Amino acid sequence: MLATLLDRLGNQRLNLELNSVGCPADRARFDEALRAALEPVAGKMCDDCQRRAVTNPLRVFDCKVPEDQPIIEKLPRISQFLDDGCRKHFEQVQAILKAVGVPSR
């Protein structure tokens, strides 16, 4: 609805970035995989990322340090851990948005 309102108001710069966090089981599997992936590389990252890798690994994706970006690009993504139901739901949401003309990436 918000996308439709903004479009009607003439906002041509709208870009929806869509993601899924899955269900609790998906998030647990992702968290485990992310922690494992960060373990061997966190020491090469900025101090904030080193701390985040232990306390809240998802926050590593918020890093703005250019030197850390190549490492972050290689980390697993939640989309790799969605179960069939969550993956199907996410695909349905994307299809609905596409059908009503909401651009997403």
PDB file of N, CA and C in Angstrom:
ATOM      1  N   MET A   1       0.817  -1.191   0.000  1.00  0.00           N
ATOM      2  CA  MET A   1       0.000   0.000   0.000  1.00  0.00           C
ATOM      3  C   MET A   1       0.865   1.261   0.000  1.00  0.00           C
ATOM      4  N   LEU A   2       1.917   1.237   0.787  1.00  0.00           N
ATOM      5  CA  LEU A   2       2.798   2.397   0.835  1.00  0.00           C
ATOM      6  C   LEU A   2       3.437   2.658  -0.524  1.00  0.00           C
ATOM      7  N   ALA A   3       3.834   1.573  -1.194  1.00  0.00           N
ATOM      8  CA  ALA A   3       4.438   1.734  -2.520  1.00  0.00           C
ATOM      9  C   ALA A   3       3.453   2.379  -3.488  1.00  0.00           C
ATOM     10  N   THR A   4       2.191   1.978  -3.426  1.00  0.00           N
ATOM     11  CA  THR A   4       1.165   2.550  -4.288  1.00  0.00           C
ATOM     12  C   THR A   4       0.970   4.026  -3.979  1.00  0.00           C
ATOM     13  N   LEU A   5       0.900   4.367  -2.702  1.00  0.00           N
ATOM     14  CA  LEU A   5       0.729   5.761  -2.302  1.00  0.00           C
ATOM     15  C   LEU A   5       1.897   6.613  -2.794  1.00  0.00           C
ATOM     16  N   LEU A   6       3.114   6.146  -2.566  1.00  0.00           N
ATOM     17  CA  LEU A   6       4.283   6.911  -3.008  1.00  0.00           C
ATOM     18  C   LEU A   6       4.315   7.066  -4.520  1.00  0.00           C
ATOM     19  N   ASP A   7       3.905   6.026  -5.234  1.00  0.00           N
ATOM     20  CA  ASP A   7       3.851   6.095  -6.690  1.00  0.00           C
ATOM     21  C   ASP A   7       2.831   7.141  -7.139  1.00  0.00           C
ATOM     22  N   ARG A   8       1.683   7.154  -6.499  1.00  0.00           N
ATOM     23  CA  ARG A   8       0.643   8.122  -6.861  1.00  0.00           C
ATOM     24  C   ARG A   8       1.056   9.551  -6.536  1.00  0.00           C
ATOM     25  N   LEU A   9       1.923   9.688  -5.546  1.00  0.00           N
ATOM     26  CA  LEU A   9       2.422  11.015  -5.207  1.00  0.00           C
ATOM     27  C   LEU A   9       3.569  11.438  -6.112  1.00  0.00           C
ATOM     28  N   GLY A  10       3.974  10.541  -7.003  1.00  0.00           N
ATOM     29  CA  GLY A  10       5.006  10.879  -7.980  1.00  0.00           C
ATOM     30  C   GLY A  10       6.417  10.515  -7.570  1.00  0.00           C
ATOM     31  N   ASN A  11       6.585   9.703  -6.583  1.00  0.00           N
ATOM     32  CA  ASN A  11       7.926   9.284  -6.169  1.00  0.00           C
ATOM     33  C   ASN A  11       8.429   8.229  -7.144  1.00  0.00           C
ATOM     34  N   GLN A  12       9.285   8.633  -8.057  1.00  0.00           N
ATOM     35  CA  GLN A  12       9.819   7.727  -9.072  1.00  0.00           C
ATOM     36  C   GLN A  12      11.104   7.035  -8.620  1.00  0.00           C
ATOM     37  N   ARG A  13      11.625   7.398  -7.459  1.00  0.00           N
ATOM     38  CA  ARG A  13      12.887   6.844  -7.005  1.00  0.00           C
ATOM     39  C   ARG A  13      12.698   5.697  -6.021  1.00  0.00           C
ATOM     40  N   LEU A  14      11.530   5.162  -5.939  1.00  0.00           N
ATOM     41  CA  LEU A  14      11.249   4.079  -5.016  1.00  0.00           C
ATOM     42  C   LEU A  14      11.939   2.803  -5.472  1.00  0.00           C
ATOM     43  N   ASN A  15      12.664   2.185  -4.560  1.00  0.00           N
ATOM     44  CA  ASN A  15      13.293   0.903  -4.839  1.00  0.00           C
ATOM     45  C   ASN A  15      13.118   0.030  -3.610  1.00  0.00           C
ATOM     46  N   LEU A  16      12.369  -1.021  -3.749  1.00  0.00           N
ATOM     47  CA  LEU A  16      12.103  -1.926  -2.642  1.00  0.00           C
ATOM     48  C   LEU A  16      13.176  -3.001  -2.596  1.00  0.00           C
ATOM     49  N   GLU A  17      13.826  -3.128  -1.457  1.00  0.00           N
ATOM     50  CA  GLU A  17      14.783  -4.204  -1.245  1.00  0.00           C
ATOM     51  C   GLU A  17      14.122  -5.176  -0.287  1.00  0.00           C
ATOM     52  N   LEU A  18      13.840  -6.352  -0.778  1.00  0.00           N
ATOM     53  CA  LEU A  18      13.043  -7.331  -0.056  1.00  0.00           C
ATOM     54  C   LEU A  18      13.917  -8.462   0.447  1.00  0.00           C
ATOM     55  N   ASN A  19      13.626  -8.894   1.649  1.00  0.00           N
ATOM     56  CA  ASN A  19      14.375  -9.977   2.259  1.00  0.00           C
ATOM     57  C   ASN A  19      13.413 -10.813   3.088  1.00  0.00           C
ATOM     58  N   SER A  20      13.827 -11.984   3.457  1.00  0.00           N
ATOM     59  CA  SER A  20      13.059 -12.834   4.359  1.00  0.00           C
ATOM     60  C   SER A  20      13.962 -13.250   5.505  1.00  0.00           C
ATOM     61  N   VAL A  21      13.411 -13.280   6.695  1.00  0.00           N
ATOM     62  CA  VAL A  21      14.173 -13.779   7.834  1.00  0.00           C
ATOM     63  C   VAL A  21      13.775 -15.207   8.169  1.00  0.00           C
ATOM     64  N   GLY A  22      12.838 -15.764   7.386  1.00  0.00           N
ATOM     65  CA  GLY A  22      12.442 -17.145   7.590  1.00  0.00           C
ATOM     66  C   GLY A  22      11.753 -17.356   8.920  1.00  0.00           C
ATOM     67  N   CYS A  23      11.718 -18.603   9.343  1.00  0.00           N
ATOM     68  CA  CYS A  23      11.109 -18.978  10.615  1.00  0.00           C
ATOM     69  C   CYS A  23      12.218 -19.167  11.655  1.00  0.00           C
ATOM     70  N   PRO A  24      11.871 -19.370  12.906  1.00  0.00           N
ATOM     71  CA  PRO A  24      12.908 -19.535  13.941  1.00  0.00           C
ATOM     72  C   PRO A  24      13.926 -20.643  13.634  1.00  0.00           C
ATOM     73  N   ALA A  25      13.484 -21.740  13.060  1.00  0.00           N
ATOM     74  CA  ALA A  25      14.417 -22.825  12.734  1.00  0.00           C
ATOM     75  C   ALA A  25      15.390 -22.399  11.641  1.00  0.00           C
ATOM     76  N   ASP A  26      14.892 -21.645  10.653  1.00  0.00           N
ATOM     77  CA  ASP A  26      15.764 -21.133   9.582  1.00  0.00           C
ATOM     78  C   ASP A  26      16.822 -20.207  10.166  1.00  0.00           C
ATOM     79  N   ARG A  27      16.378 -19.315  11.050  1.00  0.00           N
ATOM     80  CA  ARG A  27      17.303 -18.348  11.644  1.00  0.00           C
ATOM     81  C   ARG A  27      18.356 -19.039  12.498  1.00  0.00           C
ATOM     82  N   ALA A  28      17.973 -20.094  13.187  1.00  0.00           N
ATOM     83  CA  ALA A  28      18.950 -20.828  14.011  1.00  0.00           C
ATOM     84  C   ALA A  28      20.009 -21.490  13.137  1.00  0.00           C
ATOM     85  N   ARG A  29      19.578 -22.108  12.034  1.00  0.00           N
ATOM     86  CA  ARG A  29      20.541 -22.736  11.119  1.00  0.00           C
ATOM     87  C   ARG A  29      21.463 -21.690  10.497  1.00  0.00           C
ATOM     88  N   PHE A  30      20.883 -20.559  10.116  1.00  0.00           N
ATOM     89  CA  PHE A  30      21.675 -19.480   9.524  1.00  0.00           C
ATOM     90  C   PHE A  30      22.676 -18.927  10.532  1.00  0.00           C
ATOM     91  N   ASP A  31      22.229 -18.676  11.756  1.00  0.00           N
ATOM     92  CA  ASP A  31      23.121 -18.144  12.784  1.00  0.00           C
ATOM     93  C   ASP A  31      24.307 -19.081  13.006  1.00  0.00           C
ATOM     94  N   GLU A  32      24.040 -20.366  13.061  1.00  0.00           N
ATOM     95  CA  GLU A  32      25.113 -21.350  13.243  1.00  0.00           C
ATOM     96  C   GLU A  32      26.109 -21.312  12.079  1.00  0.00           C
ATOM     97  N   ALA A  33      25.581 -21.269  10.866  1.00  0.00           N
ATOM     98  CA  ALA A  33      26.443 -21.245   9.678  1.00  0.00           C
ATOM     99  C   ALA A  33      27.230 -19.939   9.592  1.00  0.00           C
ATOM    100  N   LEU A  34      26.584 -18.835   9.934  1.00  0.00           N
ATOM    101  CA  LEU A  34      27.256 -17.542   9.884  1.00  0.00           C
ATOM    102  C   LEU A  34      28.385 -17.479  10.905  1.00  0.00           C
ATOM    103  N   ARG A  35      28.128 -17.955  12.114  1.00  0.00           N
ATOM    104  CA  ARG A  35      29.172 -17.975  13.142  1.00  0.00           C
ATOM    105  C   ARG A  35      30.352 -18.838  12.682  1.00  0.00           C
ATOM    106  N   ALA A  36      30.054 -19.986  12.085  1.00  0.00           N
ATOM    107  CA  ALA A  36      31.115 -20.876  11.601  1.00  0.00           C
ATOM    108  C   ALA A  36      31.917 -20.218  10.479  1.00  0.00           C
ATOM    109  N   ALA A  37      31.229 -19.506   9.587  1.00  0.00           N
ATOM    110  CA  ALA A  37      31.918 -18.837   8.476  1.00  0.00           C
ATOM    111  C   ALA A  37      32.770 -17.670   8.964  1.00  0.00           C
ATOM    112  N   LEU A  38      32.324 -17.011  10.013  1.00  0.00           N
ATOM    113  CA  LEU A  38      33.065 -15.864  10.535  1.00  0.00           C
ATOM    114  C   LEU A  38      34.287 -16.274  11.360  1.00  0.00           C
ATOM    115  N   GLU A  39      34.227 -17.430  11.948  1.00  0.00           N
ATOM    116  CA  GLU A  39      35.303 -17.852  12.852  1.00  0.00           C
ATOM    117  C   GLU A  39      36.702 -17.717  12.240  1.00  0.00           C
ATOM    118  N   PRO A  40      36.941 -18.243  11.036  1.00  0.00           N
ATOM    119  CA  PRO A  40      38.303 -18.138  10.495  1.00  0.00           C
ATOM    120  C   PRO A  40      38.660 -16.777   9.898  1.00  0.00           C
ATOM    121  N   VAL A  41      37.681 -15.900   9.662  1.00  0.00           N
ATOM    122  CA  VAL A  41      37.971 -14.631   8.984  1.00  0.00           C
ATOM    123  C   VAL A  41      37.770 -13.401   9.854  1.00  0.00           C
ATOM    124  N   ALA A  42      37.109 -13.534  10.978  1.00  0.00           N
ATOM    125  CA  ALA A  42      36.801 -12.362  11.811  1.00  0.00           C
ATOM    126  C   ALA A  42      38.061 -11.614  12.223  1.00  0.00           C
ATOM    127  N   GLY A  43      39.146 -12.319  12.475  1.00  0.00           N
ATOM    128  CA  GLY A  43      40.392 -11.677  12.879  1.00  0.00           C
ATOM    129  C   GLY A  43      40.977 -10.761  11.826  1.00  0.00           C
ATOM    130  N   LYS A  44      40.548 -10.906  10.580  1.00  0.00           N
ATOM    131  CA  LYS A  44      41.022 -10.056   9.486  1.00  0.00           C
ATOM    132  C   LYS A  44      40.138  -8.821   9.296  1.00  0.00           C
ATOM    133  N   MET A  45      39.080  -8.737  10.089  1.00  0.00           N
ATOM    134  CA  MET A  45      38.095  -7.673   9.921  1.00  0.00           C
ATOM    135  C   MET A  45      38.316  -6.565  10.952  1.00  0.00           C
ATOM    136  N   CYS A  46      37.576  -5.480  10.791  1.00  0.00           N
ATOM    137  CA  CYS A  46      37.681  -4.345  11.705  1.00  0.00           C
ATOM    138  C   CYS A  46      37.309  -4.760  13.127  1.00  0.00           C
ATOM    139  N   ASP A  47      37.660  -3.921  14.083  1.00  0.00           N
ATOM    140  CA  ASP A  47      37.386  -4.223  15.485  1.00  0.00           C
ATOM    141  C   ASP A  47      35.899  -4.424  15.752  1.00  0.00           C
ATOM    142  N   ASP A  48      35.060  -3.585  15.141  1.00  0.00           N
ATOM    143  CA  ASP A  48      33.613  -3.740  15.329  1.00  0.00           C
ATOM    144  C   ASP A  48      33.139  -5.101  14.836  1.00  0.00           C
ATOM    145  N   CYS A  49      33.604  -5.521  13.674  1.00  0.00           N
ATOM    146  CA  CYS A  49      33.194  -6.812  13.131  1.00  0.00           C
ATOM    147  C   CYS A  49      33.708  -7.966  13.990  1.00  0.00           C
ATOM    148  N   GLN A  50      34.881  -7.817  14.523  1.00  0.00           N
ATOM    149  CA  GLN A  50      35.408  -8.861  15.398  1.00  0.00           C
ATOM    150  C   GLN A  50      34.515  -9.026  16.625  1.00  0.00           C
ATOM    151  N   ARG A  51      34.077  -7.919  17.177  1.00  0.00           N
ATOM    152  CA  ARG A  51      33.169  -7.958  18.333  1.00  0.00           C
ATOM    153  C   ARG A  51      31.800  -8.500  17.920  1.00  0.00           C
ATOM    154  N   ARG A  52      31.280  -7.997  16.814  1.00  0.00           N
ATOM    155  CA  ARG A  52      29.961  -8.426  16.344  1.00  0.00           C
ATOM    156  C   ARG A  52      29.925  -9.906  15.992  1.00  0.00           C
ATOM    157  N   ALA A  53      31.015 -10.430  15.474  1.00  0.00           N
ATOM    158  CA  ALA A  53      31.068 -11.850  15.110  1.00  0.00           C
ATOM    159  C   ALA A  53      30.759 -12.737  16.302  1.00  0.00           C
ATOM    160  N   VAL A  54      31.058 -12.251  17.492  1.00  0.00           N
ATOM    161  CA  VAL A  54      30.800 -13.011  18.713  1.00  0.00           C
ATOM    162  C   VAL A  54      29.445 -12.658  19.319  1.00  0.00           C
ATOM    163  N   THR A  55      29.156 -11.358  19.406  1.00  0.00           N
ATOM    164  CA  THR A  55      27.958 -10.918  20.122  1.00  0.00           C
ATOM    165  C   THR A  55      26.680 -10.966  19.296  1.00  0.00           C
ATOM    166  N   ASN A  56      26.765 -10.593  18.025  1.00  0.00           N
ATOM    167  CA  ASN A  56      25.586 -10.559  17.149  1.00  0.00           C
ATOM    168  C   ASN A  56      26.056 -10.608  15.699  1.00  0.00           C
ATOM    169  N   PRO A  57      26.316 -11.808  15.187  1.00  0.00           N
ATOM    170  CA  PRO A  57      26.938 -11.930  13.864  1.00  0.00           C
ATOM    171  C   PRO A  57      26.159 -11.271  12.729  1.00  0.00           C
ATOM    172  N   LEU A  58      24.868 -11.150  12.836  1.00  0.00           N
ATOM    173  CA  LEU A  58      24.103 -10.477  11.775  1.00  0.00           C
ATOM    174  C   LEU A  58      24.561  -9.034  11.582  1.00  0.00           C
ATOM    175  N   ARG A  59      25.021  -8.408  12.631  1.00  0.00           N
ATOM    176  CA  ARG A  59      25.459  -7.019  12.547  1.00  0.00           C
ATOM    177  C   ARG A  59      26.701  -6.848  11.690  1.00  0.00           C
ATOM    178  N   VAL A  60      27.413  -7.920  11.412  1.00  0.00           N
ATOM    179  CA  VAL A  60      28.579  -7.840  10.521  1.00  0.00           C
ATOM    180  C   VAL A  60      28.147  -7.302   9.158  1.00  0.00           C
ATOM    181  N   PHE A  61      26.929  -7.627   8.737  1.00  0.00           N
ATOM    182  CA  PHE A  61      26.426  -7.151   7.447  1.00  0.00           C
ATOM    183  C   PHE A  61      26.228  -5.636   7.422  1.00  0.00           C
ATOM    184  N   ASP A  62      26.222  -4.982   8.591  1.00  0.00           N
ATOM    185  CA  ASP A  62      26.077  -3.524   8.667  1.00  0.00           C
ATOM    186  C   ASP A  62      27.403  -2.788   8.474  1.00  0.00           C
ATOM    187  N   CYS A  63      28.493  -3.517   8.410  1.00  0.00           N
ATOM    188  CA  CYS A  63      29.825  -2.921   8.327  1.00  0.00           C
ATOM    189  C   CYS A  63      29.970  -2.053   7.068  1.00  0.00           C
ATOM    190  N   LYS A  64      30.590  -0.902   7.253  1.00  0.00           N
ATOM    191  CA  LYS A  64      30.829   0.012   6.129  1.00  0.00           C
ATOM    192  C   LYS A  64      32.311   0.106   5.766  1.00  0.00           C
ATOM    193  N   VAL A  65      33.150  -0.655   6.437  1.00  0.00           N
ATOM    194  CA  VAL A  65      34.592  -0.602   6.185  1.00  0.00           C
ATOM    195  C   VAL A  65      34.879  -1.263   4.829  1.00  0.00           C
ATOM    196  N   PRO A  66      35.423  -0.511   3.880  1.00  0.00           N
ATOM    197  CA  PRO A  66      35.650  -1.047   2.530  1.00  0.00           C
ATOM    198  C   PRO A  66      36.490  -2.327   2.503  1.00  0.00           C
ATOM    199  N   GLU A  67      37.488  -2.408   3.350  1.00  0.00           N
ATOM    200  CA  GLU A  67      38.362  -3.587   3.347  1.00  0.00           C
ATOM    201  C   GLU A  67      37.637  -4.853   3.813  1.00  0.00           C
ATOM    202  N   ASP A  68      36.551  -4.701   4.550  1.00  0.00           N
ATOM    203  CA  ASP A  68      35.798  -5.864   5.038  1.00  0.00           C
ATOM    204  C   ASP A  68      34.776  -6.376   4.019  1.00  0.00           C
ATOM    205  N   GLN A  69      34.444  -5.575   3.031  1.00  0.00           N
ATOM    206  CA  GLN A  69      33.386  -5.935   2.092  1.00  0.00           C
ATOM    207  C   GLN A  69      33.656  -7.226   1.316  1.00  0.00           C
ATOM    208  N   PRO A  70      34.872  -7.486   0.849  1.00  0.00           N
ATOM    209  CA  PRO A  70      35.107  -8.753   0.148  1.00  0.00           C
ATOM    210  C   PRO A  70      34.845  -9.977   1.037  1.00  0.00           C
ATOM    211  N   ILE A  71      35.134  -9.860   2.323  1.00  0.00           N
ATOM    212  CA  ILE A  71      34.863 -10.958   3.252  1.00  0.00           C
ATOM    213  C   ILE A  71      33.355 -11.104   3.441  1.00  0.00           C
ATOM    214  N   ILE A  72      32.668  -9.994   3.632  1.00  0.00           N
ATOM    215  CA  ILE A  72      31.221 -10.006   3.867  1.00  0.00           C
ATOM    216  C   ILE A  72      30.483 -10.577   2.664  1.00  0.00           C
ATOM    217  N   GLU A  73      30.944 -10.250   1.470  1.00  0.00           N
ATOM    218  CA  GLU A  73      30.291 -10.748   0.250  1.00  0.00           C
ATOM    219  C   GLU A  73      30.306 -12.271   0.169  1.00  0.00           C
ATOM    220  N   LYS A  74      31.285 -12.905   0.802  1.00  0.00           N
ATOM    221  CA  LYS A  74      31.415 -14.366   0.736  1.00  0.00           C
ATOM    222  C   LYS A  74      30.678 -15.094   1.865  1.00  0.00           C
ATOM    223  N   LEU A  75      30.098 -14.345   2.809  1.00  0.00           N
ATOM    224  CA  LEU A  75      29.400 -14.968   3.925  1.00  0.00           C
ATOM    225  C   LEU A  75      28.078 -15.566   3.469  1.00  0.00           C
ATOM    226  N   PRO A  76      27.607 -16.597   4.173  1.00  0.00           N
ATOM    227  CA  PRO A  76      26.305 -17.171   3.812  1.00  0.00           C
ATOM    228  C   PRO A  76      25.191 -16.143   3.989  1.00  0.00           C
ATOM    229  N   ARG A  77      24.114 -16.349   3.273  1.00  0.00           N
ATOM    230  CA  ARG A  77      22.932 -15.483   3.344  1.00  0.00           C
ATOM    231  C   ARG A  77      21.749 -16.301   3.856  1.00  0.00           C
ATOM    232  N   ILE A  78      20.824 -15.622   4.517  1.00  0.00           N
ATOM    233  CA  ILE A  78      19.656 -16.293   5.091  1.00  0.00           C
ATOM    234  C   ILE A  78      18.867 -17.039   4.015  1.00  0.00           C
ATOM    235  N   SER A  79      18.853 -16.532   2.804  1.00  0.00           N
ATOM    236  CA  SER A  79      18.078 -17.174   1.727  1.00  0.00           C
ATOM    237  C   SER A  79      18.539 -18.606   1.468  1.00  0.00           C
ATOM    238  N   GLN A  80      19.769 -18.912   1.829  1.00  0.00           N
ATOM    239  CA  GLN A  80      20.286 -20.274   1.650  1.00  0.00           C
ATOM    240  C   GLN A  80      19.743 -21.238   2.704  1.00  0.00           C
ATOM    241  N   PHE A  81      19.074 -20.719   3.732  1.00  0.00           N
ATOM    242  CA  PHE A  81      18.643 -21.542   4.856  1.00  0.00           C
ATOM    243  C   PHE A  81      17.134 -21.568   5.050  1.00  0.00           C
ATOM    244  N   LEU A  82      16.391 -20.986   4.115  1.00  0.00           N
ATOM    245  CA  LEU A  82      14.927 -21.007   4.214  1.00  0.00           C
ATOM    246  C   LEU A  82      14.409 -22.412   3.946  1.00  0.00           C
ATOM    247  N   ASP A  83      13.492 -22.877   4.796  1.00  0.00           N
ATOM    248  CA  ASP A  83      12.879 -24.174   4.524  1.00  0.00           C
ATOM    249  C   ASP A  83      11.881 -24.015   3.380  1.00  0.00           C
ATOM    250  N   ASP A  84      11.315 -25.108   2.919  1.00  0.00           N
ATOM    251  CA  ASP A  84      10.430 -25.060   1.749  1.00  0.00           C
ATOM    252  C   ASP A  84       9.250 -24.112   1.942  1.00  0.00           C
ATOM    253  N   GLY A  85       8.641 -24.147   3.119  1.00  0.00           N
ATOM    254  CA  GLY A  85       7.489 -23.286   3.380  1.00  0.00           C
ATOM    255  C   GLY A  85       7.848 -21.810   3.357  1.00  0.00           C
ATOM    256  N   CYS A  86       8.954 -21.468   3.991  1.00  0.00           N
ATOM    257  CA  CYS A  86       9.386 -20.064   4.024  1.00  0.00           C
ATOM    258  C   CYS A  86       9.839 -19.589   2.654  1.00  0.00           C
ATOM    259  N   ARG A  87      10.517 -20.467   1.918  1.00  0.00           N
ATOM    260  CA  ARG A  87      10.951 -20.106   0.564  1.00  0.00           C
ATOM    261  C   ARG A  87       9.734 -19.871  -0.334  1.00  0.00           C
ATOM    262  N   LYS A  88       8.734 -20.731  -0.218  1.00  0.00           N
ATOM    263  CA  LYS A  88       7.525 -20.580  -1.031  1.00  0.00           C
ATOM    264  C   LYS A  88       6.799 -19.284  -0.670  1.00  0.00           C
ATOM    265  N   HIS A  89       6.688 -18.991   0.610  1.00  0.00           N
ATOM    266  CA  HIS A  89       6.027 -17.755   1.042  1.00  0.00           C
ATOM    267  C   HIS A  89       6.746 -16.533   0.486  1.00  0.00           C
ATOM    268  N   PHE A  90       8.064 -16.527   0.567  1.00  0.00           N
ATOM    269  CA  PHE A  90       8.853 -15.411   0.054  1.00  0.00           C
ATOM    270  C   PHE A  90       8.651 -15.253  -1.451  1.00  0.00           C
ATOM    271  N   GLU A  91       8.634 -16.344  -2.169  1.00  0.00           N
ATOM    272  CA  GLU A  91       8.397 -16.288  -3.612  1.00  0.00           C
ATOM    273  C   GLU A  91       7.006 -15.753  -3.921  1.00  0.00           C
ATOM    274  N   GLN A  92       6.013 -16.118  -3.106  1.00  0.00           N
ATOM    275  CA  GLN A  92       4.653 -15.626  -3.306  1.00  0.00           C
ATOM    276  C   GLN A  92       4.579 -14.114  -3.073  1.00  0.00           C
ATOM    277  N   VAL A  93       5.236 -13.638  -2.034  1.00  0.00           N
ATOM    278  CA  VAL A  93       5.258 -12.194  -1.771  1.00  0.00           C
ATOM    279  C   VAL A  93       5.905 -11.462  -2.938  1.00  0.00           C
ATOM    280  N   GLN A  94       7.011 -12.000  -3.452  1.00  0.00           N
ATOM    281  CA  GLN A  94       7.676 -11.377  -4.597  1.00  0.00           C
ATOM    282  C   GLN A  94       6.748 -11.361  -5.809  1.00  0.00           C
ATOM    283  N   ALA A  95       6.030 -12.446  -6.034  1.00  0.00           N
ATOM    284  CA  ALA A  95       5.117 -12.524  -7.179  1.00  0.00           C
ATOM    285  C   ALA A  95       3.982 -11.504  -7.054  1.00  0.00           C
ATOM    286  N   ILE A  96       3.451 -11.338  -5.864  1.00  0.00           N
ATOM    287  CA  ILE A  96       2.381 -10.360  -5.643  1.00  0.00           C
ATOM    288  C   ILE A  96       2.895  -8.949  -5.921  1.00  0.00           C
ATOM    289  N   LEU A  97       4.068  -8.638  -5.402  1.00  0.00           N
ATOM    290  CA  LEU A  97       4.634  -7.304  -5.629  1.00  0.00           C
ATOM    291  C   LEU A  97       4.891  -7.057  -7.113  1.00  0.00           C
ATOM    292  N   LYS A  98       5.398  -8.064  -7.787  1.00  0.00           N
ATOM    293  CA  LYS A  98       5.645  -7.922  -9.223  1.00  0.00           C
ATOM    294  C   LYS A  98       4.337  -7.724  -9.976  1.00  0.00           C
ATOM    295  N   ALA A  99       3.306  -8.460  -9.580  1.00  0.00           N
ATOM    296  CA  ALA A  99       2.008  -8.381 -10.260  1.00  0.00           C
ATOM    297  C   ALA A  99       1.360  -6.999 -10.125  1.00  0.00           C
ATOM    298  N   VAL A 100       1.626  -6.320  -9.005  1.00  0.00           N
ATOM    299  CA  VAL A 100       1.050  -4.985  -8.827  1.00  0.00           C
ATOM    300  C   VAL A 100       2.004  -3.888  -9.264  1.00  0.00           C
ATOM    301  N   GLY A 101       3.141  -4.294  -9.839  1.00  0.00           N
ATOM    302  CA  GLY A 101       4.061  -3.328 -10.432  1.00  0.00           C
ATOM    303  C   GLY A 101       5.041  -2.674  -9.480  1.00  0.00           C
ATOM    304  N   VAL A 102       5.291  -3.309  -8.334  1.00  0.00           N
ATOM    305  CA  VAL A 102       6.270  -2.762  -7.396  1.00  0.00           C
ATOM    306  C   VAL A 102       7.646  -3.308  -7.767  1.00  0.00           C
ATOM    307  N   PRO A 103       8.552  -2.446  -8.205  1.00  0.00           N
ATOM    308  CA  PRO A 103       9.883  -2.939  -8.553  1.00  0.00           C
ATOM    309  C   PRO A 103      10.633  -3.364  -7.303  1.00  0.00           C
ATOM    310  N   SER A 104      11.321  -4.480  -7.403  1.00  0.00           N
ATOM    311  CA  SER A 104      12.146  -4.938  -6.280  1.00  0.00           C
ATOM    312  C   SER A 104      13.423  -5.543  -6.834  1.00  0.00           C
ATOM    313  N   ARG A 105      14.361  -5.736  -5.929  1.00  0.00           N
ATOM    314  CA  ARG A 105      15.591  -6.394  -6.319  1.00  0.00           C
ATOM    315  C   ARG A 105      16.046  -7.284  -5.191  1.00  0.00           C
TER     316      ARG A 105
END
